[in-house]
Protein backbone atom coordinates (compact mmCIF):
# COMPACT_ATOMS: atom_id res chain seq x y z
CA UNK A 1 48.35 -23.25 -11.11
CA UNK A 2 45.05 -24.04 -9.41
CA UNK A 3 42.94 -21.38 -7.68
CA UNK A 4 40.00 -22.05 -5.40
CA UNK A 5 37.56 -19.43 -4.10
CA UNK A 6 34.47 -19.59 -1.91
CA UNK A 7 31.66 -17.48 -3.33
CA UNK A 8 28.80 -17.12 -0.83
CA UNK A 9 25.42 -16.61 -2.43
CA UNK A 10 21.72 -16.77 -1.64
CA UNK A 11 18.49 -17.47 -3.51
CA UNK A 12 15.55 -15.25 -2.59
CA UNK A 13 12.45 -17.42 -2.19
CA UNK A 14 10.07 -14.67 -1.12
CA UNK A 15 9.92 -10.94 -0.49
CA UNK A 16 7.10 -8.94 1.07
CA UNK A 17 7.16 -5.15 1.36
CA UNK A 18 5.04 -4.14 4.37
CA UNK A 19 5.14 -0.37 3.97
CA UNK A 20 7.24 2.74 4.34
CA UNK A 21 8.81 3.70 7.66
CA UNK A 22 9.11 7.22 9.04
CA UNK A 23 12.78 7.34 7.98
CA UNK A 24 11.81 6.76 4.32
CA UNK A 25 12.98 3.14 4.15
CA UNK A 26 10.59 0.24 3.56
CA UNK A 27 9.82 -2.49 6.09
CA UNK A 28 10.74 -5.82 4.46
CA UNK A 29 10.18 -9.50 5.18
CA UNK A 30 12.24 -11.98 3.17
CA UNK A 31 12.84 -15.71 2.93
CA UNK A 32 16.13 -16.90 1.44
CA UNK A 33 18.29 -20.01 1.14
CA UNK A 34 22.07 -19.91 1.27
CA UNK A 35 23.74 -21.84 -1.58
């Protein structure tokens, strides 16, 4: 029996946290590459 699955993934190349928003979450900027 042969099984084959697609497993989407990404590699994070950069992440910058700009600051906290009024709702308590952080404002983010990211660069990533799908693999």
